[in-house]
Protein backbone atom coordinates (compact mmCIF):
# COMPACT_ATOMS: atom_id res chain seq x y z
CA MET A 1 2.06 0.85 24.16
CA PHE A 2 1.44 -1.93 21.83
CA LEU A 3 -1.21 -1.96 18.93
CA SER A 4 -3.16 -4.84 17.14
CA ASP A 5 -4.80 -5.44 14.02
CA GLN A 6 -7.64 -4.41 16.46
CA ASP A 7 -7.06 -0.94 16.51
CA ASP A 8 -7.53 -0.65 12.94
CA ARG A 9 -9.76 1.93 11.29
CA VAL A 10 -9.71 0.38 8.03
CA THR A 11 -8.34 -3.27 7.40
CA PRO A 12 -8.00 -5.00 3.75
CA VAL A 13 -10.57 -7.39 2.37
CA SER A 14 -8.50 -9.04 0.79
CA ILE A 15 -4.61 -9.99 0.60
CA GLU A 16 -3.20 -11.97 -2.28
CA HIS A 17 -0.16 -13.30 -2.82
CA GLY A 18 1.10 -13.20 -6.44
CA ILE A 19 4.17 -13.81 -8.45
CA ASP A 20 5.03 -12.52 -11.79
CA ALA A 21 7.72 -14.58 -13.55
CA MET A 22 9.34 -15.30 -17.09
CA MET A 23 11.82 -17.48 -18.07
CA THR A 24 14.73 -16.73 -20.75
CA GLU A 25 14.39 -18.95 -23.76
CA ASP A 26 16.78 -21.53 -22.84
CA GLY A 27 14.95 -21.95 -19.22
CA GLN A 28 17.83 -21.49 -17.55
CA ALA A 29 17.12 -18.68 -15.76
CA PHE A 30 14.26 -15.87 -14.73
CA GLU A 31 14.08 -12.90 -17.15
CA PHE A 32 12.25 -11.57 -14.32
CA TYR A 33 10.67 -12.26 -11.08
CA TYR A 34 8.35 -10.37 -9.24
CA ASN A 35 6.87 -11.62 -5.85
CA PHE A 36 4.35 -9.21 -4.34
CA LEU A 37 0.99 -9.46 -2.35
CA ILE A 38 -1.95 -7.05 -3.25
CA TYR A 39 -4.09 -5.37 -0.20
CA THR A 40 -7.54 -4.48 -1.31
CA PHE A 41 -9.15 -2.28 0.99
CA ARG A 42 -13.07 -1.34 0.28
CA GLN A 43 -15.54 0.86 1.94
CA GLY A 44 -19.19 1.50 0.59
CA ASP A 45 -18.30 2.66 -3.65
CA GLU A 46 -14.66 3.06 -2.41
CA THR A 47 -11.98 1.13 -3.05
CA LEU A 48 -7.82 0.93 -2.92
CA VAL A 49 -5.33 -1.17 -3.93
CA ALA A 50 -1.87 -1.63 -2.66
CA LYS A 51 1.15 -3.57 -3.75
CA HIS A 52 3.65 -4.39 -1.75
CA TYR A 53 6.85 -5.95 -4.08
CA LEU A 54 8.67 -8.95 -1.06
CA ASP A 55 11.97 -7.77 -2.68
CA GLN A 56 11.54 -4.01 -1.44
CA PRO A 57 11.35 -4.26 2.64
CA GLY A 58 9.67 -1.19 3.85
CA GLU A 59 7.95 0.00 0.74
CA VAL A 60 3.95 0.24 -0.69
CA SER A 61 2.41 1.33 -3.83
CA LEU A 62 -1.15 2.77 -3.06
CA THR A 63 -2.90 2.44 -6.67
CA PRO A 64 -5.80 5.17 -6.90
CA LEU A 65 -8.70 4.26 -9.04
CA PRO A 66 -9.02 7.32 -11.56
CA SER A 67 -11.73 8.69 -9.20
CA SER A 68 -10.17 7.79 -5.70
CA ASP A 69 -9.61 10.93 -3.43
CA LEU A 70 -6.94 10.55 -1.25
CA ASN A 71 -8.23 13.27 1.54
CA THR A 72 -11.25 10.86 2.43
CA SER A 73 -11.46 9.58 5.58
CA PHE A 74 -11.43 5.78 3.95
CA ALA A 75 -8.17 6.54 2.20
CA LYS A 76 -6.76 8.07 5.20
CA GLY A 77 -7.38 5.67 6.88
CA VAL A 78 -6.25 3.26 4.72
CA LEU A 79 -2.45 5.34 4.66
CA LEU A 80 -2.75 4.54 8.02
CA TYR A 81 -3.26 1.21 7.76
CA LEU A 82 -0.33 1.14 5.61
CA ALA A 83 2.15 3.31 7.45
CA MET A 84 1.55 1.19 10.65
CA ARG A 85 3.60 -1.54 8.48
CA TYR A 86 5.65 0.30 5.69
CA SER A 87 7.71 3.03 6.23
CA ARG A 88 7.43 4.58 2.84
CA ILE A 89 4.38 4.71 0.67
CA THR A 90 4.48 5.97 -2.88
CA THR A 91 1.31 6.34 -5.11
CA LEU A 92 1.17 4.23 -8.63
CA GLY A 93 -0.19 6.64 -11.61
CA GLU A 94 0.02 5.81 -15.53
CA HIS A 95 3.85 8.21 -15.19
CA GLY A 96 5.35 5.37 -11.85
CA THR A 97 5.33 6.02 -9.02
CA ALA A 98 5.13 9.08 -6.99
CA PRO A 99 5.78 9.97 -3.19
CA LEU A 100 2.82 11.65 -1.10
CA THR A 101 2.55 14.94 -0.92
CA ALA A 102 4.05 17.05 1.78
CA ALA A 103 0.67 18.17 3.36
CA LEU A 104 -0.56 14.27 3.95
CA LEU A 105 2.62 12.75 5.06
CA SER A 106 2.77 15.47 7.71
CA GLU A 107 -0.80 14.40 8.88
CA LEU A 108 0.06 10.68 8.01
CA ALA A 109 3.14 11.30 10.46
CA ASP A 110 0.36 13.09 13.02
CA ALA A 111 -1.91 10.15 12.78
CA VAL A 112 0.89 7.98 13.37
CA ARG A 113 2.22 9.12 16.46
CA ALA A 114 -1.59 10.07 17.86
CA ALA A 115 -1.67 5.90 17.71
CA PHE A 116 1.14 5.26 20.14
CA ARG A 117 -0.44 7.50 22.57
């Protein structure tokens, strides 16, 4: 079976490319260089943002807002969108990244398998 972006229940309202970089004092090298994509998803009052660093293939971090609930239909649509494109999804919070809960991962895996039936 072939899937296309037309099969997505939820799609980003924007995908932006960004670079954060800083040169060393002598200007000869980068002190740091982050090349990334930002996905913004919005439905009604709900917004979720995901960030993918281009040097980390297969990985994306979802940044839920404090009021976000990852168990809503919208959030599950966002997670399915990301799961169809990335093999590892983490959430980004005030204490760094964390994996999705086992229950949510299981439900997501079932949804991905169902999409290919």
